[in-house]
PDB file of all heavy atoms in Angstrom:
ATOM      1  N   THR A   1      10.095   8.326  10.359  1.00  0.00           N
ATOM      2  CA  THR A   1      10.501   7.234  11.228  1.00  0.00           C
ATOM      3  C   THR A   1      10.610   5.945  10.411  1.00  0.00           C
ATOM      4  O   THR A   1      10.027   5.825   9.331  1.00  0.00           O
ATOM      5  CB  THR A   1       9.482   7.041  12.359  1.00  0.00           C
ATOM      6  OG1 THR A   1       9.959   6.064  13.251  1.00  0.00           O
ATOM      7  CG2 THR A   1       8.116   6.605  11.811  1.00  0.00           C
ATOM      8  N   GLN A   2      11.353   4.975  10.988  1.00  0.00           N
ATOM      9  CA  GLN A   2      11.476   3.666  10.348  1.00  0.00           C
ATOM     10  C   GLN A   2      10.752   2.591  11.109  1.00  0.00           C
ATOM     11  O   GLN A   2      10.156   1.714  10.477  1.00  0.00           O
ATOM     12  CB  GLN A   2      12.995   3.292  10.254  1.00  0.00           C
ATOM     13  CG  GLN A   2      13.752   4.106   9.191  1.00  0.00           C
ATOM     14  CD  GLN A   2      15.161   3.600   9.042  1.00  0.00           C
ATOM     15  OE1 GLN A   2      15.726   3.029   9.946  1.00  0.00           O
ATOM     16  NE2 GLN A   2      15.728   3.835   7.859  1.00  0.00           N
ATOM     17  N   ASN A   3      10.787   2.635  12.447  1.00  0.00           N
ATOM     18  CA  ASN A   3      10.219   1.566  13.228  1.00  0.00           C
ATOM     19  C   ASN A   3       9.048   2.013  14.122  1.00  0.00           C
ATOM     20  O   ASN A   3       7.987   1.439  14.072  1.00  0.00           O
ATOM     21  CB  ASN A   3      11.308   0.923  14.107  1.00  0.00           C
ATOM     22  CG  ASN A   3      12.391   0.307  13.262  1.00  0.00           C
ATOM     23  OD1 ASN A   3      12.147  -0.412  12.304  1.00  0.00           O
ATOM     24  ND2 ASN A   3      13.651   0.620  13.598  1.00  0.00           N
ATOM     25  N   ASN A   4       9.253   3.031  14.900  1.00  0.00           N
ATOM     26  CA  ASN A   4       8.174   3.507  15.782  1.00  0.00           C
ATOM     27  C   ASN A   4       8.293   5.003  15.948  1.00  0.00           C
ATOM     28  O   ASN A   4       9.256   5.625  15.578  1.00  0.00           O
ATOM     29  CB  ASN A   4       8.200   2.786  17.132  1.00  0.00           C
ATOM     30  CG  ASN A   4       9.538   2.909  17.818  1.00  0.00           C
ATOM     31  OD1 ASN A   4      10.036   3.994  18.044  1.00  0.00           O
ATOM     32  ND2 ASN A   4      10.121   1.784  18.188  1.00  0.00           N
ATOM     33  N   PHE A   5       7.248   5.588  16.540  1.00  0.00           N
ATOM     34  CA  PHE A   5       7.292   7.028  16.809  1.00  0.00           C
ATOM     35  C   PHE A   5       6.593   7.297  18.180  1.00  0.00           C
ATOM     36  O   PHE A   5       5.773   6.474  18.634  1.00  0.00           O
ATOM     37  CB  PHE A   5       6.565   7.824  15.693  1.00  0.00           C
ATOM     38  CG  PHE A   5       5.105   7.566  15.558  1.00  0.00           C
ATOM     39  CD1 PHE A   5       4.199   8.367  16.247  1.00  0.00           C
ATOM     40  CD2 PHE A   5       4.626   6.526  14.748  1.00  0.00           C
ATOM     41  CE1 PHE A   5       2.822   8.136  16.107  1.00  0.00           C
ATOM     42  CE2 PHE A   5       3.288   6.323  14.630  1.00  0.00           C
ATOM     43  CZ  PHE A   5       2.385   7.098  15.309  1.00  0.00           C
ATOM     44  N   HIS A   6       6.930   8.402  18.751  1.00  0.00           N
ATOM     45  CA  HIS A   6       6.310   8.835  19.980  1.00  0.00           C
ATOM     46  C   HIS A   6       5.278   9.907  19.688  1.00  0.00           C
ATOM     47  O   HIS A   6       5.543  10.883  18.960  1.00  0.00           O
ATOM     48  CB  HIS A   6       7.388   9.383  20.948  1.00  0.00           C
ATOM     49  CG  HIS A   6       8.478   8.408  21.235  1.00  0.00           C
ATOM     50  ND1 HIS A   6       8.300   7.292  22.018  1.00  0.00           N
ATOM     51  CD2 HIS A   6       9.760   8.377  20.823  1.00  0.00           C
ATOM     52  CE1 HIS A   6       9.414   6.608  22.104  1.00  0.00           C
ATOM     53  NE2 HIS A   6      10.319   7.247  21.381  1.00  0.00           N
ATOM     54  N   LEU A   7       4.103   9.723  20.215  1.00  0.00           N
ATOM     55  CA  LEU A   7       3.007  10.681  20.051  1.00  0.00           C
ATOM     56  C   LEU A   7       2.804  11.448  21.354  1.00  0.00           C
ATOM     57  O   LEU A   7       2.748  10.865  22.436  1.00  0.00           O
ATOM     58  CB  LEU A   7       1.703   9.967  19.668  1.00  0.00           C
ATOM     59  CG  LEU A   7       0.430  10.826  19.433  1.00  0.00           C
ATOM     60  CD1 LEU A   7      -0.479  10.074  18.442  1.00  0.00           C
ATOM     61  CD2 LEU A   7      -0.321  11.034  20.737  1.00  0.00           C
ATOM     62  N   THR A   8       2.762  12.770  21.260  1.00  0.00           N
ATOM     63  CA  THR A   8       2.561  13.629  22.430  1.00  0.00           C
ATOM     64  C   THR A   8       1.416  14.603  22.150  1.00  0.00           C
ATOM     65  O   THR A   8       1.386  15.258  21.106  1.00  0.00           O
ATOM     66  CB  THR A   8       3.820  14.455  22.779  1.00  0.00           C
ATOM     67  OG1 THR A   8       4.910  13.544  22.964  1.00  0.00           O
ATOM     68  CG2 THR A   8       3.606  15.300  24.005  1.00  0.00           C
ATOM     69  N   MET A   9       0.481  14.660  23.057  1.00  0.00           N
ATOM     70  CA  MET A   9      -0.599  15.587  22.979  1.00  0.00           C
ATOM     71  C   MET A   9      -0.970  16.061  24.351  1.00  0.00           C
ATOM     72  O   MET A   9      -1.543  15.320  25.146  1.00  0.00           O
ATOM     73  CB  MET A   9      -1.834  15.021  22.314  1.00  0.00           C
ATOM     74  CG  MET A   9      -2.911  16.068  22.005  1.00  0.00           C
ATOM     75  SD  MET A   9      -4.398  15.395  21.244  1.00  0.00           S
ATOM     76  CE  MET A   9      -5.203  14.690  22.654  1.00  0.00           C
ATOM     77  N   PRO A  10      -0.635  17.342  24.719  1.00  0.00           N
ATOM     78  CA  PRO A  10      -0.975  17.863  26.050  1.00  0.00           C
ATOM     79  C   PRO A  10      -2.424  17.730  26.347  1.00  0.00           C
ATOM     80  O   PRO A  10      -3.295  18.096  25.557  1.00  0.00           O
ATOM     81  CB  PRO A  10      -0.510  19.320  25.954  1.00  0.00           C
ATOM     82  CG  PRO A  10       0.516  19.363  24.910  1.00  0.00           C
ATOM     83  CD  PRO A  10       0.054  18.316  23.889  1.00  0.00           C
ATOM     84  N   GLY A  11      -2.744  17.167  27.521  1.00  0.00           N
ATOM     85  CA  GLY A  11      -4.133  17.092  27.963  1.00  0.00           C
ATOM     86  C   GLY A  11      -4.917  15.969  27.334  1.00  0.00           C
ATOM     87  O   GLY A  11      -6.154  15.951  27.422  1.00  0.00           O
ATOM     88  N   ALA A  12      -4.240  15.016  26.745  1.00  0.00           N
ATOM     89  CA  ALA A  12      -4.940  13.888  26.082  1.00  0.00           C
ATOM     90  C   ALA A  12      -5.716  13.045  27.101  1.00  0.00           C
ATOM     91  O   ALA A  12      -5.276  12.815  28.220  1.00  0.00           O
ATOM     92  CB  ALA A  12      -3.962  13.013  25.326  1.00  0.00           C
ATOM     93  N   ASN A  13      -6.877  12.597  26.679  1.00  0.00           N
ATOM     94  CA  ASN A  13      -7.699  11.726  27.476  1.00  0.00           C
ATOM     95  C   ASN A  13      -6.997  10.317  27.590  1.00  0.00           C
ATOM     96  O   ASN A  13      -6.446   9.829  26.601  1.00  0.00           O
ATOM     97  CB  ASN A  13      -9.063  11.559  26.821  1.00  0.00           C
ATOM     98  CG  ASN A  13     -10.071  10.825  27.707  1.00  0.00           C
ATOM     99  OD1 ASN A  13      -9.751   9.775  28.234  1.00  0.00           O
ATOM    100  ND2 ASN A  13     -11.262  11.418  27.829  1.00  0.00           N
ATOM    101  N   ALA A  14      -7.046   9.689  28.754  1.00  0.00           N
ATOM    102  CA  ALA A  14      -6.381   8.421  28.937  1.00  0.00           C
ATOM    103  C   ALA A  14      -7.007   7.337  28.023  1.00  0.00           C
ATOM    104  O   ALA A  14      -6.386   6.326  27.697  1.00  0.00           O
ATOM    105  CB  ALA A  14      -6.464   7.980  30.363  1.00  0.00           C
ATOM    106  N   ASP A  15      -8.260   7.519  27.612  1.00  0.00           N
ATOM    107  CA  ASP A  15      -8.925   6.585  26.750  1.00  0.00           C
ATOM    108  C   ASP A  15      -8.911   6.972  25.288  1.00  0.00           C
ATOM    109  O   ASP A  15      -9.715   6.542  24.501  1.00  0.00           O
ATOM    110  CB  ASP A  15     -10.390   6.382  27.192  1.00  0.00           C
ATOM    111  CG  ASP A  15     -10.516   5.752  28.540  1.00  0.00           C
ATOM    112  OD1 ASP A  15      -9.681   4.908  28.869  1.00  0.00           O
ATOM    113  OD2 ASP A  15     -11.422   6.122  29.331  1.00  0.00           O
ATOM    114  N   ALA A  16      -7.954   7.832  24.916  1.00  0.00           N
ATOM    115  CA  ALA A  16      -7.880   8.288  23.523  1.00  0.00           C
ATOM    116  C   ALA A  16      -7.663   7.145  22.575  1.00  0.00           C
ATOM    117  O   ALA A  16      -6.934   6.232  22.847  1.00  0.00           O
ATOM    118  CB  ALA A  16      -6.777   9.350  23.411  1.00  0.00           C
ATOM    119  N   GLN A  17      -8.300   7.229  21.418  1.00  0.00           N
ATOM    120  CA  GLN A  17      -8.121   6.279  20.343  1.00  0.00           C
ATOM    121  C   GLN A  17      -7.084   6.812  19.389  1.00  0.00           C
ATOM    122  O   GLN A  17      -7.060   7.956  19.081  1.00  0.00           O
ATOM    123  CB  GLN A  17      -9.411   6.031  19.600  1.00  0.00           C
ATOM    124  CG  GLN A  17     -10.535   5.394  20.448  1.00  0.00           C
ATOM    125  CD  GLN A  17     -11.797   5.195  19.619  1.00  0.00           C
ATOM    126  OE1 GLN A  17     -11.773   5.355  18.395  1.00  0.00           O
ATOM    127  NE2 GLN A  17     -12.885   4.840  20.267  1.00  0.00           N
ATOM    128  N   ILE A  18      -6.241   5.946  18.882  1.00  0.00           N
ATOM    129  CA  ILE A  18      -5.206   6.302  17.905  1.00  0.00           C
ATOM    130  C   ILE A  18      -5.482   5.521  16.624  1.00  0.00           C
ATOM    131  O   ILE A  18      -5.580   4.333  16.637  1.00  0.00           O
ATOM    132  CB  ILE A  18      -3.833   6.033  18.430  1.00  0.00           C
ATOM    133  CG1 ILE A  18      -3.606   6.752  19.770  1.00  0.00           C
ATOM    134  CG2 ILE A  18      -2.764   6.449  17.420  1.00  0.00           C
ATOM    135  CD1 ILE A  18      -2.330   6.372  20.467  1.00  0.00           C
ATOM    136  N   GLN A  19      -5.605   6.249  15.517  1.00  0.00           N
ATOM    137  CA  GLN A  19      -5.871   5.596  14.235  1.00  0.00           C
ATOM    138  C   GLN A  19      -4.834   6.109  13.222  1.00  0.00           C
ATOM    139  O   GLN A  19      -4.383   7.243  13.268  1.00  0.00           O
ATOM    140  CB  GLN A  19      -7.249   5.965  13.723  1.00  0.00           C
ATOM    141  CG  GLN A  19      -8.371   5.542  14.677  1.00  0.00           C
ATOM    142  CD  GLN A  19      -9.711   6.162  14.317  1.00  0.00           C
ATOM    143  OE1 GLN A  19      -9.772   7.018  13.420  1.00  0.00           O
ATOM    144  NE2 GLN A  19     -10.765   5.710  14.971  1.00  0.00           N
ATOM    145  N   ILE A  20      -4.430   5.249  12.271  1.00  0.00           N
ATOM    146  CA  ILE A  20      -3.454   5.627  11.229  1.00  0.00           C
ATOM    147  C   ILE A  20      -4.079   5.296   9.924  1.00  0.00           C
ATOM    148  O   ILE A  20      -4.542   4.168   9.674  1.00  0.00           O
ATOM    149  CB  ILE A  20      -2.106   4.898  11.427  1.00  0.00           C
ATOM    150  CG1 ILE A  20      -1.516   5.194  12.798  1.00  0.00           C
ATOM    151  CG2 ILE A  20      -1.153   5.302  10.314  1.00  0.00           C
ATOM    152  CD1 ILE A  20      -0.201   4.484  13.085  1.00  0.00           C
ATOM    153  N   TYR A  21      -4.091   6.292   8.996  1.00  0.00           N
ATOM    154  CA  TYR A  21      -4.687   6.134   7.692  1.00  0.00           C
ATOM    155  C   TYR A  21      -3.594   6.291   6.612  1.00  0.00           C
ATOM    156  O   TYR A  21      -2.664   7.045   6.752  1.00  0.00           O
ATOM    157  CB  TYR A  21      -5.743   7.225   7.438  1.00  0.00           C
ATOM    158  CG  TYR A  21      -6.999   7.058   8.267  1.00  0.00           C
ATOM    159  CD1 TYR A  21      -7.054   7.504   9.573  1.00  0.00           C
ATOM    160  CD2 TYR A  21      -8.126   6.482   7.760  1.00  0.00           C
ATOM    161  CE1 TYR A  21      -8.190   7.356  10.378  1.00  0.00           C
ATOM    162  CE2 TYR A  21      -9.282   6.293   8.518  1.00  0.00           C
ATOM    163  CZ  TYR A  21      -9.310   6.788   9.814  1.00  0.00           C
ATOM    164  OH  TYR A  21     -10.452   6.590  10.590  1.00  0.00           O
ATOM    165  N   ASN A  22      -3.793   5.520   5.525  1.00  0.00           N
ATOM    166  CA  ASN A  22      -2.926   5.736   4.348  1.00  0.00           C
ATOM    167  C   ASN A  22      -3.531   6.804   3.433  1.00  0.00           C
ATOM    168  O   ASN A  22      -4.619   7.336   3.758  1.00  0.00           O
ATOM    169  CB  ASN A  22      -2.682   4.451   3.571  1.00  0.00           C
ATOM    170  CG  ASN A  22      -3.970   3.837   3.017  1.00  0.00           C
ATOM    171  OD1 ASN A  22      -5.004   4.508   2.886  1.00  0.00           O
ATOM    172  ND2 ASN A  22      -3.958   2.531   2.766  1.00  0.00           N
ATOM    173  N   LEU A  23      -2.885   7.114   2.361  1.00  0.00           N
ATOM    174  CA  LEU A  23      -3.375   8.214   1.518  1.00  0.00           C
ATOM    175  C   LEU A  23      -4.602   7.860   0.688  1.00  0.00           C
ATOM    176  O   LEU A  23      -5.152   8.702  -0.004  1.00  0.00           O
ATOM    177  CB  LEU A  23      -2.231   8.657   0.557  1.00  0.00           C
ATOM    178  CG  LEU A  23      -1.084   9.411   1.248  1.00  0.00           C
ATOM    179  CD1 LEU A  23      -0.065   9.960   0.232  1.00  0.00           C
ATOM    180  CD2 LEU A  23      -1.554  10.526   2.168  1.00  0.00           C
ATOM    181  N   LEU A  24      -5.005   6.587   0.773  1.00  0.00           N
ATOM    182  CA  LEU A  24      -6.260   6.206   0.125  1.00  0.00           C
ATOM    183  C   LEU A  24      -7.442   6.357   1.096  1.00  0.00           C
ATOM    184  O   LEU A  24      -8.569   6.081   0.720  1.00  0.00           O
ATOM    185  CB  LEU A  24      -6.186   4.725  -0.355  1.00  0.00           C
ATOM    186  CG  LEU A  24      -5.135   4.441  -1.446  1.00  0.00           C
ATOM    187  CD1 LEU A  24      -5.141   2.958  -1.749  1.00  0.00           C
ATOM    188  CD2 LEU A  24      -5.415   5.257  -2.694  1.00  0.00           C
ATOM    189  N   GLY A  25      -7.138   6.821   2.301  1.00  0.00           N
ATOM    190  CA  GLY A  25      -8.214   7.003   3.301  1.00  0.00           C
ATOM    191  C   GLY A  25      -8.557   5.735   4.043  1.00  0.00           C
ATOM    192  O   GLY A  25      -9.561   5.666   4.751  1.00  0.00           O
ATOM    193  N   GLN A  26      -7.715   4.656   3.899  1.00  0.00           N
ATOM    194  CA  GLN A  26      -7.971   3.388   4.545  1.00  0.00           C
ATOM    195  C   GLN A  26      -7.283   3.393   5.919  1.00  0.00           C
ATOM    196  O   GLN A  26      -6.132   3.818   6.084  1.00  0.00           O
ATOM    197  CB  GLN A  26      -7.415   2.226   3.727  1.00  0.00           C
ATOM    198  CG  GLN A  26      -8.056   2.167   2.326  1.00  0.00           C
ATOM    199  CD  GLN A  26      -7.302   1.221   1.432  1.00  0.00           C
ATOM    200  OE1 GLN A  26      -6.084   1.081   1.525  1.00  0.00           O
ATOM    201  NE2 GLN A  26      -8.023   0.558   0.531  1.00  0.00           N
ATOM    202  N   CYS A  27      -7.984   2.912   6.972  1.00  0.00           N
ATOM    203  CA  CYS A  27      -7.412   2.838   8.291  1.00  0.00           C
ATOM    204  C   CYS A  27      -6.519   1.570   8.333  1.00  0.00           C
ATOM    205  O   CYS A  27      -7.032   0.422   8.242  1.00  0.00           O
ATOM    206  CB  CYS A  27      -8.524   2.734   9.367  1.00  0.00           C
ATOM    207  SG  CYS A  27      -7.900   2.672  11.074  1.00  0.00           S
ATOM    208  N   VAL A  28      -5.242   1.790   8.493  1.00  0.00           N
ATOM    209  CA  VAL A  28      -4.302   0.666   8.492  1.00  0.00           C
ATOM    210  C   VAL A  28      -3.825   0.280   9.855  1.00  0.00           C
ATOM    211  O   VAL A  28      -3.152  -0.738  10.089  1.00  0.00           O
ATOM    212  CB  VAL A  28      -3.055   1.015   7.626  1.00  0.00           C
ATOM    213  CG1 VAL A  28      -3.439   1.216   6.163  1.00  0.00           C
ATOM    214  CG2 VAL A  28      -2.344   2.253   8.172  1.00  0.00           C
ATOM    215  N   ARG A  29      -4.193   1.061  10.862  1.00  0.00           N
ATOM    216  CA  ARG A  29      -3.870   0.760  12.257  1.00  0.00           C
ATOM    217  C   ARG A  29      -4.863   1.405  13.170  1.00  0.00           C
ATOM    218  O   ARG A  29      -5.090   2.622  13.094  1.00  0.00           O
ATOM    219  CB  ARG A  29      -2.436   1.251  12.582  1.00  0.00           C
ATOM    220  CG  ARG A  29      -1.930   0.948  13.982  1.00  0.00           C
ATOM    221  CD  ARG A  29      -1.763  -0.530  14.225  1.00  0.00           C
ATOM    222  NE  ARG A  29      -1.110  -1.240  13.129  1.00  0.00           N
ATOM    223  CZ  ARG A  29       0.237  -1.256  12.961  1.00  0.00           C
ATOM    224  NH1 ARG A  29       1.030  -0.645  13.817  1.00  0.00           N
ATOM    225  NH2 ARG A  29       0.746  -1.921  11.959  1.00  0.00           N
ATOM    226  N   PHE A  30      -5.476   0.596  14.044  1.00  0.00           N
ATOM    227  CA  PHE A  30      -6.419   1.128  15.042  1.00  0.00           C
ATOM    228  C   PHE A  30      -5.962   0.640  16.401  1.00  0.00           C
ATOM    229  O   PHE A  30      -5.860  -0.587  16.626  1.00  0.00           O
ATOM    230  CB  PHE A  30      -7.850   0.695  14.742  1.00  0.00           C
ATOM    231  CG  PHE A  30      -8.821   1.047  15.851  1.00  0.00           C
ATOM    232  CD1 PHE A  30      -9.243   2.351  16.010  1.00  0.00           C
ATOM    233  CD2 PHE A  30      -9.286   0.098  16.742  1.00  0.00           C
ATOM    234  CE1 PHE A  30     -10.138   2.686  16.992  1.00  0.00           C
ATOM    235  CE2 PHE A  30     -10.162   0.426  17.770  1.00  0.00           C
ATOM    236  CZ  PHE A  30     -10.594   1.712  17.885  1.00  0.00           C
ATOM    237  N   VAL A  31      -5.715   1.551  17.282  1.00  0.00           N
ATOM    238  CA  VAL A  31      -5.234   1.216  18.622  1.00  0.00           C
ATOM    239  C   VAL A  31      -6.406   1.379  19.573  1.00  0.00           C
ATOM    240  O   VAL A  31      -6.859   2.501  19.860  1.00  0.00           O
ATOM    241  CB  VAL A  31      -4.080   2.100  19.096  1.00  0.00           C
ATOM    242  CG1 VAL A  31      -3.586   1.644  20.443  1.00  0.00           C
ATOM    243  CG2 VAL A  31      -2.951   2.036  18.057  1.00  0.00           C
ATOM    244  N   ASN A  32      -7.015   0.245  19.997  1.00  0.00           N
ATOM    245  CA  ASN A  32      -8.155   0.277  20.872  1.00  0.00           C
ATOM    246  C   ASN A  32      -7.757   0.751  22.266  1.00  0.00           C
ATOM    247  O   ASN A  32      -6.785   0.220  22.830  1.00  0.00           O
ATOM    248  CB  ASN A  32      -8.738  -1.147  20.968  1.00  0.00           C
ATOM    249  CG  ASN A  32     -10.125  -1.137  21.623  1.00  0.00           C
ATOM    250  OD1 ASN A  32     -10.300  -0.630  22.727  1.00  0.00           O
ATOM    251  ND2 ASN A  32     -11.120  -1.706  20.924  1.00  0.00           N
ATOM    252  N   PRO A  33      -8.505   1.698  22.873  1.00  0.00           N
ATOM    253  CA  PRO A  33      -8.133   2.212  24.193  1.00  0.00           C
ATOM    254  C   PRO A  33      -8.194   1.134  25.264  1.00  0.00           C
ATOM    255  O   PRO A  33      -7.576   1.277  26.328  1.00  0.00           O
ATOM    256  CB  PRO A  33      -9.162   3.287  24.449  1.00  0.00           C
ATOM    257  CG  PRO A  33     -10.290   3.009  23.539  1.00  0.00           C
ATOM    258  CD  PRO A  33      -9.658   2.402  22.343  1.00  0.00           C
ATOM    259  N   ASP A  34      -8.899   0.023  25.043  1.00  0.00           N
ATOM    260  CA  ASP A  34      -8.963  -1.046  26.046  1.00  0.00           C
ATOM    261  C   ASP A  34      -7.659  -1.827  26.110  1.00  0.00           C
ATOM    262  O   ASP A  34      -7.354  -2.483  27.109  1.00  0.00           O
ATOM    263  CB  ASP A  34     -10.119  -2.023  25.684  1.00  0.00           C
ATOM    264  CG  ASP A  34     -11.458  -1.358  25.891  1.00  0.00           C
ATOM    265  OD1 ASP A  34     -11.537  -0.416  26.672  1.00  0.00           O
ATOM    266  OD2 ASP A  34     -12.425  -1.777  25.222  1.00  0.00           O
ATOM    267  N   SER A  35      -6.878  -1.787  25.018  1.00  0.00           N
ATOM    268  CA  SER A  35      -5.671  -2.541  24.987  1.00  0.00           C
ATOM    269  C   SER A  35      -4.404  -1.679  25.022  1.00  0.00           C
ATOM    270  O   SER A  35      -3.307  -2.169  25.059  1.00  0.00           O
ATOM    271  CB  SER A  35      -5.610  -3.423  23.740  1.00  0.00           C
ATOM    272  OG  SER A  35      -5.691  -2.629  22.576  1.00  0.00           O
ATOM    273  N   PHE A  36      -4.610  -0.355  24.951  1.00  0.00           N
ATOM    274  CA  PHE A  36      -3.475   0.553  24.881  1.00  0.00           C
ATOM    275  C   PHE A  36      -3.839   1.873  25.553  1.00  0.00           C
ATOM    276  O   PHE A  36      -4.894   2.413  25.279  1.00  0.00           O
ATOM    277  CB  PHE A  36      -3.037   0.813  23.455  1.00  0.00           C
ATOM    278  CG  PHE A  36      -1.696   1.563  23.302  1.00  0.00           C
ATOM    279  CD1 PHE A  36      -0.557   0.898  23.228  1.00  0.00           C
ATOM    280  CD2 PHE A  36      -1.742   2.963  23.301  1.00  0.00           C
ATOM    281  CE1 PHE A  36       0.662   1.599  23.127  1.00  0.00           C
ATOM    282  CE2 PHE A  36      -0.570   3.669  23.179  1.00  0.00           C
ATOM    283  CZ  PHE A  36       0.661   2.975  23.115  1.00  0.00           C
ATOM    284  N   ARG A  37      -3.036   2.359  26.400  1.00  0.00           N
ATOM    285  CA  ARG A  37      -3.343   3.615  27.158  1.00  0.00           C
ATOM    286  C   ARG A  37      -2.271   4.627  26.929  1.00  0.00           C
ATOM    287  O   ARG A  37      -1.046   4.341  26.936  1.00  0.00           O
ATOM    288  CB  ARG A  37      -3.445   3.318  28.652  1.00  0.00           C
ATOM    289  CG  ARG A  37      -4.504   2.299  29.011  1.00  0.00           C
ATOM    290  CD  ARG A  37      -5.856   2.944  29.060  1.00  0.00           C
ATOM    291  NE  ARG A  37      -6.888   1.924  29.376  1.00  0.00           N
ATOM    292  CZ  ARG A  37      -8.147   2.223  29.642  1.00  0.00           C
ATOM    293  NH1 ARG A  37      -8.566   3.475  29.609  1.00  0.00           N
ATOM    294  NH2 ARG A  37      -9.011   1.279  29.940  1.00  0.00           N
ATOM    295  N   ILE A  38      -2.699   5.887  26.759  1.00  0.00           N
ATOM    296  CA  ILE A  38      -1.749   6.999  26.769  1.00  0.00           C
ATOM    297  C   ILE A  38      -1.336   7.209  28.219  1.00  0.00           C
ATOM    298  O   ILE A  38      -2.157   7.220  29.120  1.00  0.00           O
ATOM    299  CB  ILE A  38      -2.381   8.266  26.202  1.00  0.00           C
ATOM    300  CG1 ILE A  38      -2.572   8.085  24.667  1.00  0.00           C
ATOM    301  CG2 ILE A  38      -1.536   9.485  26.450  1.00  0.00           C
ATOM    302  CD1 ILE A  38      -3.169   9.295  23.985  1.00  0.00           C
ATOM    303  N   ASP A  39      -0.033   7.354  28.487  1.00  0.00           N
ATOM    304  CA  ASP A  39       0.402   7.491  29.864  1.00  0.00           C
ATOM    305  C   ASP A  39       0.076   8.846  30.460  1.00  0.00           C
ATOM    306  O   ASP A  39      -0.513   9.711  29.794  1.00  0.00           O
ATOM    307  CB  ASP A  39       1.896   7.185  29.977  1.00  0.00           C
ATOM    308  CG  ASP A  39       2.783   8.202  29.270  1.00  0.00           C
ATOM    309  OD1 ASP A  39       2.335   9.352  29.102  1.00  0.00           O
ATOM    310  OD2 ASP A  39       3.897   7.870  28.863  1.00  0.00           O
TER     311      ASP A  39
END
């Protein structure tokens, strides 16, 4: 992807946390469930 991507996971919890790591193992994006919800 260049700009955004769609994440799909059957049966995901509405309060699921989403984290993105680089290859150094550093968390470069953390999506807090209080500010973002899986539909």
